PDB file of all heavy atoms in Angstrom:
ATOM      1  N   GLY A   1       0.776  -1.216   0.000  1.00  0.00           N
ATOM      2  CA  GLY A   1       0.000   0.000   0.000  1.00  0.00           C
ATOM      3  C   GLY A   1       0.810   1.269   0.000  1.00  0.00           C
ATOM      4  O   GLY A   1       0.252   2.363  -0.033  1.00  0.00           O
ATOM      5  N   GLY A   2       2.127   1.168   0.014  1.00  0.00           N
ATOM      6  CA  GLY A   2       2.956   2.370   0.031  1.00  0.00           C
ATOM      7  C   GLY A   2       3.254   2.851  -1.370  1.00  0.00           C
ATOM      8  O   GLY A   2       3.159   2.113  -2.343  1.00  0.00           O
ATOM      9  N   ASN A   3       3.628   4.119  -1.530  1.00  0.00           N
ATOM     10  CA  ASN A   3       3.998   4.644  -2.833  1.00  0.00           C
ATOM     11  C   ASN A   3       5.359   4.135  -3.256  1.00  0.00           C
ATOM     12  O   ASN A   3       6.182   3.779  -2.435  1.00  0.00           O
ATOM     13  CB  ASN A   3       4.031   6.180  -2.792  1.00  0.00           C
ATOM     14  CG  ASN A   3       2.632   6.760  -2.679  1.00  0.00           C
ATOM     15  OD1 ASN A   3       1.693   6.183  -3.195  1.00  0.00           O
ATOM     16  ND2 ASN A   3       2.519   7.866  -1.966  1.00  0.00           N
ATOM     17  N   CYS A   4       5.582   4.113  -4.544  1.00  0.00           N
ATOM     18  CA  CYS A   4       6.902   3.758  -5.062  1.00  0.00           C
ATOM     19  C   CYS A   4       7.805   4.953  -4.847  1.00  0.00           C
ATOM     20  O   CYS A   4       7.572   6.006  -5.423  1.00  0.00           O
ATOM     21  CB  CYS A   4       6.796   3.403  -6.541  1.00  0.00           C
ATOM     22  SG  CYS A   4       8.341   2.870  -7.234  1.00  0.00           S
ATOM     23  N   LEU A   5       8.812   4.815  -4.000  1.00  0.00           N
ATOM     24  CA  LEU A   5       9.536   5.982  -3.508  1.00  0.00           C
ATOM     25  C   LEU A   5      10.956   6.113  -4.023  1.00  0.00           C
ATOM     26  O   LEU A   5      11.653   7.033  -3.628  1.00  0.00           O
ATOM     27  CB  LEU A   5       9.573   5.938  -1.973  1.00  0.00           C
ATOM     28  CG  LEU A   5       8.197   5.871  -1.284  1.00  0.00           C
ATOM     29  CD1 LEU A   5       8.382   5.699   0.203  1.00  0.00           C
ATOM     30  CD2 LEU A   5       7.398   7.120  -1.586  1.00  0.00           C
ATOM     31  N   ILE A   6      11.429   5.166  -4.845  1.00  0.00           N
ATOM     32  CA  ILE A   6      12.825   5.241  -5.254  1.00  0.00           C
ATOM     33  C   ILE A   6      12.991   5.921  -6.595  1.00  0.00           C
ATOM     34  O   ILE A   6      13.863   6.742  -6.773  1.00  0.00           O
ATOM     35  CB  ILE A   6      13.446   3.834  -5.285  1.00  0.00           C
ATOM     36  CG1 ILE A   6      13.726   3.412  -3.851  1.00  0.00           C
ATOM     37  CG2 ILE A   6      14.720   3.803  -6.080  1.00  0.00           C
ATOM     38  CD1 ILE A   6      14.486   2.127  -3.739  1.00  0.00           C
ATOM     39  N   GLY A   7      12.186   5.612  -7.543  1.00  0.00           N
ATOM     40  CA  GLY A   7      12.348   6.205  -8.864  1.00  0.00           C
ATOM     41  C   GLY A   7      11.935   5.227  -9.938  1.00  0.00           C
ATOM     42  O   GLY A   7      11.763   4.043  -9.687  1.00  0.00           O
ATOM     43  N   PRO A   8      11.754   5.689 -11.164  1.00  0.00           N
ATOM     44  CA  PRO A   8      11.201   4.839 -12.211  1.00  0.00           C
ATOM     45  C   PRO A   8      12.067   3.645 -12.546  1.00  0.00           C
ATOM     46  O   PRO A   8      11.564   2.606 -12.911  1.00  0.00           O
ATOM     47  CB  PRO A   8      11.081   5.796 -13.405  1.00  0.00           C
ATOM     48  CG  PRO A   8      12.080   6.881 -13.131  1.00  0.00           C
ATOM     49  CD  PRO A   8      12.099   7.027 -11.649  1.00  0.00           C
ATOM     50  N   GLN A   9      13.404   3.786 -12.423  1.00  0.00           N
ATOM     51  CA  GLN A   9      14.252   2.670 -12.806  1.00  0.00           C
ATOM     52  C   GLN A   9      14.021   1.467 -11.904  1.00  0.00           C
ATOM     53  O   GLN A   9      14.208   0.327 -12.311  1.00  0.00           O
ATOM     54  CB  GLN A   9      15.737   3.059 -12.775  1.00  0.00           C
ATOM     55  CG  GLN A   9      16.290   3.363 -11.386  1.00  0.00           C
ATOM     56  CD  GLN A   9      16.124   4.818 -11.019  1.00  0.00           C
ATOM     57  OE1 GLN A   9      15.198   5.470 -11.509  1.00  0.00           O
ATOM     58  NE2 GLN A   9      17.007   5.338 -10.190  1.00  0.00           N
ATOM     59  N   HIS A  10      13.585   1.687 -10.647  1.00  0.00           N
ATOM     60  CA  HIS A  10      13.292   0.583  -9.751  1.00  0.00           C
ATOM     61  C   HIS A  10      11.835   0.165  -9.857  1.00  0.00           C
ATOM     62  O   HIS A  10      11.507  -1.000  -9.715  1.00  0.00           O
ATOM     63  CB  HIS A  10      13.613   0.969  -8.309  1.00  0.00           C
ATOM     64  CG  HIS A  10      15.061   1.308  -8.104  1.00  0.00           C
ATOM     65  ND1 HIS A  10      16.061   0.377  -8.254  1.00  0.00           N
ATOM     66  CD2 HIS A  10      15.673   2.478  -7.783  1.00  0.00           C
ATOM     67  CE1 HIS A  10      17.235   0.945  -8.017  1.00  0.00           C
ATOM     68  NE2 HIS A  10      17.023   2.206  -7.744  1.00  0.00           N
ATOM     69  N   CYS A  11      10.934   1.116 -10.097  1.00  0.00           N
ATOM     70  CA  CYS A  11       9.522   0.793 -10.186  1.00  0.00           C
ATOM     71  C   CYS A  11       9.243  -0.131 -11.361  1.00  0.00           C
ATOM     72  O   CYS A  11       8.296  -0.898 -11.342  1.00  0.00           O
ATOM     73  CB  CYS A  11       8.686   2.064 -10.338  1.00  0.00           C
ATOM     74  SG  CYS A  11       8.790   3.154  -8.909  1.00  0.00           S
ATOM     75  N   GLN A  12      10.057  -0.053 -12.415  1.00  0.00           N
ATOM     76  CA  GLN A  12       9.809  -0.830 -13.610  1.00  0.00           C
ATOM     77  C   GLN A  12      10.321  -2.253 -13.489  1.00  0.00           C
ATOM     78  O   GLN A  12      10.030  -3.085 -14.335  1.00  0.00           O
ATOM     79  CB  GLN A  12      10.479  -0.145 -14.809  1.00  0.00           C
ATOM     80  CG  GLN A  12       9.826   1.185 -15.160  1.00  0.00           C
ATOM     81  CD  GLN A  12      10.646   1.957 -16.175  1.00  0.00           C
ATOM     82  OE1 GLN A  12      11.678   1.474 -16.624  1.00  0.00           O
ATOM     83  NE2 GLN A  12      10.185   3.145 -16.519  1.00  0.00           N
ATOM     84  N   VAL A  13      11.079  -2.578 -12.432  1.00  0.00           N
ATOM     85  CA  VAL A  13      11.617  -3.918 -12.276  1.00  0.00           C
ATOM     86  C   VAL A  13      10.546  -4.815 -11.679  1.00  0.00           C
ATOM     87  O   VAL A  13       9.958  -4.506 -10.655  1.00  0.00           O
ATOM     88  CB  VAL A  13      12.859  -3.897 -11.366  1.00  0.00           C
ATOM     89  CG1 VAL A  13      13.335  -5.323 -11.106  1.00  0.00           C
ATOM     90  CG2 VAL A  13      13.966  -3.085 -12.012  1.00  0.00           C
ATOM     91  N   LYS A  14      10.304  -5.931 -12.325  1.00  0.00           N
ATOM     92  CA  LYS A  14       9.276  -6.861 -11.866  1.00  0.00           C
ATOM     93  C   LYS A  14       9.782  -7.641 -10.656  1.00  0.00           C
ATOM     94  O   LYS A  14      10.873  -8.178 -10.675  1.00  0.00           O
ATOM     95  CB  LYS A  14       8.921  -7.839 -12.989  1.00  0.00           C
ATOM     96  CG  LYS A  14       7.839  -8.846 -12.619  1.00  0.00           C
ATOM     97  CD  LYS A  14       7.556  -9.756 -13.792  1.00  0.00           C
ATOM     98  CE  LYS A  14       6.459 -10.748 -13.450  1.00  0.00           C
ATOM     99  NZ  LYS A  14       6.854 -11.681 -12.409  1.00  0.00           N
ATOM    100  N   ARG A  15       8.988  -7.672  -9.605  1.00  0.00           N
ATOM    101  CA  ARG A  15       9.332  -8.454  -8.432  1.00  0.00           C
ATOM    102  C   ARG A  15       9.308  -9.935  -8.782  1.00  0.00           C
ATOM    103  O   ARG A  15       8.504 -10.384  -9.590  1.00  0.00           O
ATOM    104  CB  ARG A  15       8.362  -8.175  -7.285  1.00  0.00           C
ATOM    105  CG  ARG A  15       8.521  -6.793  -6.679  1.00  0.00           C
ATOM    106  CD  ARG A  15       7.455  -6.552  -5.625  1.00  0.00           C
ATOM    107  NE  ARG A  15       7.526  -7.540  -4.558  1.00  0.00           N
ATOM    108  CZ  ARG A  15       8.294  -7.421  -3.475  1.00  0.00           C
ATOM    109  NH1 ARG A  15       9.058  -6.357  -3.336  1.00  0.00           N
ATOM    110  NH2 ARG A  15       8.298  -8.341  -2.552  1.00  0.00           N
ATOM    111  N   ARG A  16      10.198 -10.683  -8.158  1.00  0.00           N
ATOM    112  CA  ARG A  16      10.269 -12.112  -8.421  1.00  0.00           C
ATOM    113  C   ARG A  16       9.629 -12.871  -7.260  1.00  0.00           C
ATOM    114  O   ARG A  16       9.602 -12.406  -6.130  1.00  0.00           O
ATOM    115  CB  ARG A  16      11.733 -12.548  -8.584  1.00  0.00           C
ATOM    116  CG  ARG A  16      12.445 -11.797  -9.691  1.00  0.00           C
ATOM    117  CD  ARG A  16      13.898 -12.221  -9.815  1.00  0.00           C
ATOM    118  NE  ARG A  16      14.565 -11.479 -10.872  1.00  0.00           N
ATOM    119  CZ  ARG A  16      15.327 -10.414 -10.700  1.00  0.00           C
ATOM    120  NH1 ARG A  16      15.530  -9.961  -9.469  1.00  0.00           N
ATOM    121  NH2 ARG A  16      15.883  -9.807 -11.719  1.00  0.00           N
ATOM    122  N   LYS A  17       9.142 -14.052  -7.564  1.00  0.00           N
ATOM    123  CA  LYS A  17       8.438 -14.849  -6.564  1.00  0.00           C
ATOM    124  C   LYS A  17       9.257 -16.086  -6.212  1.00  0.00           C
ATOM    125  O   LYS A  17       9.635 -16.863  -7.091  1.00  0.00           O
ATOM    126  CB  LYS A  17       7.070 -15.275  -7.098  1.00  0.00           C
ATOM    127  CG  LYS A  17       6.278 -16.147  -6.132  1.00  0.00           C
ATOM    128  CD  LYS A  17       4.971 -16.591  -6.744  1.00  0.00           C
ATOM    129  CE  LYS A  17       4.204 -17.519  -5.784  1.00  0.00           C
ATOM    130  NZ  LYS A  17       2.947 -18.009  -6.399  1.00  0.00           N
ATOM    131  N   LEU A  18       9.542 -16.252  -4.928  1.00  0.00           N
ATOM    132  CA  LEU A  18      10.228 -17.451  -4.441  1.00  0.00           C
ATOM    133  C   LEU A  18       9.191 -18.389  -3.845  1.00  0.00           C
ATOM    134  O   LEU A  18       8.387 -17.996  -2.999  1.00  0.00           O
ATOM    135  CB  LEU A  18      11.269 -17.091  -3.377  1.00  0.00           C
ATOM    136  CG  LEU A  18      11.898 -18.272  -2.633  1.00  0.00           C
ATOM    137  CD1 LEU A  18      12.732 -19.128  -3.581  1.00  0.00           C
ATOM    138  CD2 LEU A  18      12.756 -17.790  -1.466  1.00  0.00           C
ATOM    139  N   GLU A  19       9.229 -19.638  -4.299  1.00  0.00           N
ATOM    140  CA  GLU A  19       8.319 -20.654  -3.770  1.00  0.00           C
ATOM    141  C   GLU A  19       9.150 -21.829  -3.259  1.00  0.00           C
ATOM    142  O   GLU A  19      10.083 -22.282  -3.933  1.00  0.00           O
ATOM    143  CB  GLU A  19       7.379 -21.127  -4.879  1.00  0.00           C
ATOM    144  CG  GLU A  19       6.310 -22.102  -4.410  1.00  0.00           C
ATOM    145  CD  GLU A  19       5.384 -22.544  -5.525  1.00  0.00           C
ATOM    146  OE1 GLU A  19       5.561 -22.064  -6.676  1.00  0.00           O
ATOM    147  OE2 GLU A  19       4.497 -23.371  -5.270  1.00  0.00           O
ATOM    148  N   ILE A  20       8.829 -22.308  -2.066  1.00  0.00           N
ATOM    149  CA  ILE A  20       9.530 -23.444  -1.468  1.00  0.00           C
ATOM    150  C   ILE A  20       8.525 -24.571  -1.284  1.00  0.00           C
ATOM    151  O   ILE A  20       7.520 -24.407  -0.585  1.00  0.00           O
ATOM    152  CB  ILE A  20      10.180 -23.061  -0.128  1.00  0.00           C
ATOM    153  CG1 ILE A  20      11.156 -21.898  -0.316  1.00  0.00           C
ATOM    154  CG2 ILE A  20      10.911 -24.259   0.472  1.00  0.00           C
ATOM    155  CD1 ILE A  20      11.799 -21.421   0.968  1.00  0.00           C
ATOM    156  N   ARG A  21       8.786 -25.702  -1.926  1.00  0.00           N
ATOM    157  CA  ARG A  21       7.885 -26.853  -1.865  1.00  0.00           C
ATOM    158  C   ARG A  21       8.575 -28.015  -1.163  1.00  0.00           C
ATOM    159  O   ARG A  21       9.743 -28.301  -1.419  1.00  0.00           O
ATOM    160  CB  ARG A  21       7.483 -27.303  -3.274  1.00  0.00           C
ATOM    161  CG  ARG A  21       6.748 -26.256  -4.092  1.00  0.00           C
ATOM    162  CD  ARG A  21       6.519 -26.790  -5.496  1.00  0.00           C
ATOM    163  NE  ARG A  21       5.902 -25.801  -6.371  1.00  0.00           N
ATOM    164  CZ  ARG A  21       5.801 -25.945  -7.691  1.00  0.00           C
ATOM    165  NH1 ARG A  21       6.278 -27.039  -8.275  1.00  0.00           N
ATOM    166  NH2 ARG A  21       5.218 -25.008  -8.426  1.00  0.00           N
ATOM    167  N   LEU A  22       7.836 -28.704  -0.315  1.00  0.00           N
ATOM    168  CA  LEU A  22       8.348 -29.874   0.388  1.00  0.00           C
ATOM    169  C   LEU A  22       7.634 -31.113  -0.130  1.00  0.00           C
ATOM    170  O   LEU A  22       6.418 -31.257   0.049  1.00  0.00           O
ATOM    171  CB  LEU A  22       8.141 -29.718   1.898  1.00  0.00           C
ATOM    172  CG  LEU A  22       8.784 -30.776   2.795  1.00  0.00           C
ATOM    173  CD1 LEU A  22      10.300 -30.723   2.678  1.00  0.00           C
ATOM    174  CD2 LEU A  22       8.360 -30.578   4.249  1.00  0.00           C
ATOM    175  N   ASN A  23       8.378 -32.007  -0.800  1.00  0.00           N
ATOM    176  CA  ASN A  23       7.796 -33.199  -1.399  1.00  0.00           C
ATOM    177  C   ASN A  23       8.440 -34.456  -0.818  1.00  0.00           C
ATOM    178  O   ASN A  23       9.626 -34.457  -0.474  1.00  0.00           O
ATOM    179  CB  ASN A  23       8.021 -33.202  -2.923  1.00  0.00           C
ATOM    180  CG  ASN A  23       7.420 -31.974  -3.596  1.00  0.00           C
ATOM    181  OD1 ASN A  23       6.349 -31.526  -3.214  1.00  0.00           O
ATOM    182  ND2 ASN A  23       8.115 -31.434  -4.577  1.00  0.00           N
ATOM    183  N   ARG A  24       7.659 -35.526  -0.748  1.00  0.00           N
ATOM    184  CA  ARG A  24       8.214 -36.818  -0.364  1.00  0.00           C
ATOM    185  C   ARG A  24       9.290 -37.218  -1.367  1.00  0.00           C
ATOM    186  O   ARG A  24       9.206 -36.919  -2.558  1.00  0.00           O
ATOM    187  CB  ARG A  24       7.110 -37.879  -0.351  1.00  0.00           C
ATOM    188  CG  ARG A  24       6.010 -37.658   0.701  1.00  0.00           C
ATOM    189  CD  ARG A  24       6.309 -38.371   1.997  1.00  0.00           C
ATOM    190  NE  ARG A  24       6.447 -39.798   1.771  1.00  0.00           N
ATOM    191  CZ  ARG A  24       5.417 -40.650   1.663  1.00  0.00           C
ATOM    192  NH1 ARG A  24       4.176 -40.186   1.747  1.00  0.00           N
ATOM    193  NH2 ARG A  24       5.647 -41.940   1.472  1.00  0.00           N
ATOM    194  N   SER A  25      10.308 -37.922  -0.887  1.00  0.00           N
ATOM    195  CA  SER A  25      11.417 -38.322  -1.744  1.00  0.00           C
ATOM    196  C   SER A  25      10.938 -39.223  -2.876  1.00  0.00           C
ATOM    197  O   SER A  25      10.330 -40.272  -2.641  1.00  0.00           O
ATOM    198  CB  SER A  25      12.469 -39.061  -0.905  1.00  0.00           C
ATOM    199  OG  SER A  25      13.581 -39.406  -1.689  1.00  0.00           O
ATOM    200  N   SER A  26      11.203 -38.803  -4.108  1.00  0.00           N
ATOM    201  CA  SER A  26      10.846 -39.579  -5.302  1.00  0.00           C
ATOM    202  C   SER A  26      11.667 -39.042  -6.462  1.00  0.00           C
ATOM    203  O   SER A  26      12.231 -37.945  -6.398  1.00  0.00           O
ATOM    204  CB  SER A  26       9.349 -39.471  -5.607  1.00  0.00           C
ATOM    205  OG  SER A  26       9.001 -38.130  -5.916  1.00  0.00           O
ATOM    206  N   PHE A  27      11.739 -39.820  -7.537  1.00  0.00           N
ATOM    207  CA  PHE A  27      12.519 -39.389  -8.690  1.00  0.00           C
ATOM    208  C   PHE A  27      11.752 -38.347  -9.485  1.00  0.00           C
ATOM    209  O   PHE A  27      10.581 -38.522  -9.817  1.00  0.00           O
ATOM    210  CB  PHE A  27      12.865 -40.575  -9.591  1.00  0.00           C
ATOM    211  CG  PHE A  27      13.672 -40.175 -10.796  1.00  0.00           C
ATOM    212  CD1 PHE A  27      15.030 -39.916 -10.684  1.00  0.00           C
ATOM    213  CD2 PHE A  27      13.065 -40.013 -12.034  1.00  0.00           C
ATOM    214  CE1 PHE A  27      15.780 -39.531 -11.780  1.00  0.00           C
ATOM    215  CE2 PHE A  27      13.805 -39.628 -13.146  1.00  0.00           C
ATOM    216  CZ  PHE A  27      15.166 -39.386 -13.017  1.00  0.00           C
ATOM    217  N   ASP A  28      12.420 -37.252  -9.811  1.00  0.00           N
ATOM    218  CA  ASP A  28      11.850 -36.162 -10.602  1.00  0.00           C
ATOM    219  C   ASP A  28      12.852 -35.835 -11.698  1.00  0.00           C
ATOM    220  O   ASP A  28      13.983 -35.437 -11.400  1.00  0.00           O
ATOM    221  CB  ASP A  28      11.610 -34.953  -9.693  1.00  0.00           C
ATOM    222  CG  ASP A  28      10.969 -33.780 -10.420  1.00  0.00           C
ATOM    223  OD1 ASP A  28      11.222 -33.615 -11.635  1.00  0.00           O
ATOM    224  OD2 ASP A  28      10.236 -33.007  -9.785  1.00  0.00           O
ATOM    225  N   PRO A  29      12.495 -35.993 -12.979  1.00  0.00           N
ATOM    226  CA  PRO A  29      13.444 -35.738 -14.068  1.00  0.00           C
ATOM    227  C   PRO A  29      14.030 -34.330 -14.040  1.00  0.00           C
ATOM    228  O   PRO A  29      15.211 -34.133 -14.361  1.00  0.00           O
ATOM    229  CB  PRO A  29      12.602 -35.960 -15.336  1.00  0.00           C
ATOM    230  CG  PRO A  29      11.486 -36.854 -14.901  1.00  0.00           C
ATOM    231  CD  PRO A  29      11.188 -36.476 -13.482  1.00  0.00           C
ATOM    232  N   GLU A  30      13.205 -33.339 -13.651  1.00  0.00           N
ATOM    233  CA  GLU A  30      13.707 -31.965 -13.589  1.00  0.00           C
ATOM    234  C   GLU A  30      14.768 -31.828 -12.502  1.00  0.00           C
ATOM    235  O   GLU A  30      15.777 -31.141 -12.678  1.00  0.00           O
ATOM    236  CB  GLU A  30      12.548 -30.996 -13.338  1.00  0.00           C
ATOM    237  CG  GLU A  30      12.964 -29.524 -13.421  1.00  0.00           C
ATOM    238  CD  GLU A  30      11.822 -28.572 -13.169  1.00  0.00           C
ATOM    239  OE1 GLU A  30      10.733 -29.025 -12.757  1.00  0.00           O
ATOM    240  OE2 GLU A  30      12.013 -27.349 -13.365  1.00  0.00           O
ATOM    241  N   GLU A  31      14.555 -32.482 -11.367  1.00  0.00           N
ATOM    242  CA  GLU A  31      15.544 -32.449 -10.301  1.00  0.00           C
ATOM    243  C   GLU A  31      16.839 -33.130 -10.746  1.00  0.00           C
ATOM    244  O   GLU A  31      17.935 -32.635 -10.473  1.00  0.00           O
ATOM    245  CB  GLU A  31      15.002 -33.145  -9.045  1.00  0.00           C
ATOM    246  CG  GLU A  31      13.917 -32.367  -8.319  1.00  0.00           C
ATOM    247  CD  GLU A  31      13.510 -33.047  -7.026  1.00  0.00           C
ATOM    248  OE1 GLU A  31      14.092 -34.099  -6.688  1.00  0.00           O
ATOM    249  OE2 GLU A  31      12.604 -32.534  -6.344  1.00  0.00           O
ATOM    250  N   PHE A  32      16.719 -34.273 -11.421  1.00  0.00           N
ATOM    251  CA  PHE A  32      17.915 -34.975 -11.867  1.00  0.00           C
ATOM    252  C   PHE A  32      18.707 -34.128 -12.862  1.00  0.00           C
ATOM    253  O   PHE A  32      19.944 -34.093 -12.816  1.00  0.00           O
ATOM    254  CB  PHE A  32      17.551 -36.321 -12.496  1.00  0.00           C
ATOM    255  CG  PHE A  32      18.728 -37.005 -13.139  1.00  0.00           C
ATOM    256  CD1 PHE A  32      19.813 -37.421 -12.374  1.00  0.00           C
ATOM    257  CD2 PHE A  32      18.779 -37.191 -14.513  1.00  0.00           C
ATOM    258  CE1 PHE A  32      20.916 -38.037 -12.956  1.00  0.00           C
ATOM    259  CE2 PHE A  32      19.875 -37.800 -15.110  1.00  0.00           C
ATOM    260  CZ  PHE A  32      20.944 -38.224 -14.336  1.00  0.00           C
ATOM    261  N   ALA A  33      18.013 -33.430 -13.771  1.00  0.00           N
ATOM    262  CA  ALA A  33      18.704 -32.572 -14.740  1.00  0.00           C
ATOM    263  C   ALA A  33      19.485 -31.480 -14.014  1.00  0.00           C
ATOM    264  O   ALA A  33      20.624 -31.151 -14.395  1.00  0.00           O
ATOM    265  CB  ALA A  33      17.696 -31.969 -15.711  1.00  0.00           C
TER     266      ALA A  33
END
């Protein structure tokens, strides 16, 4: 709810999303790669 207070060069940068998932141990091709 706050205003963008730094300047346009920072306001234009897209925030990134970190997601942490906890899965039971199993084979995942993406993990192996």
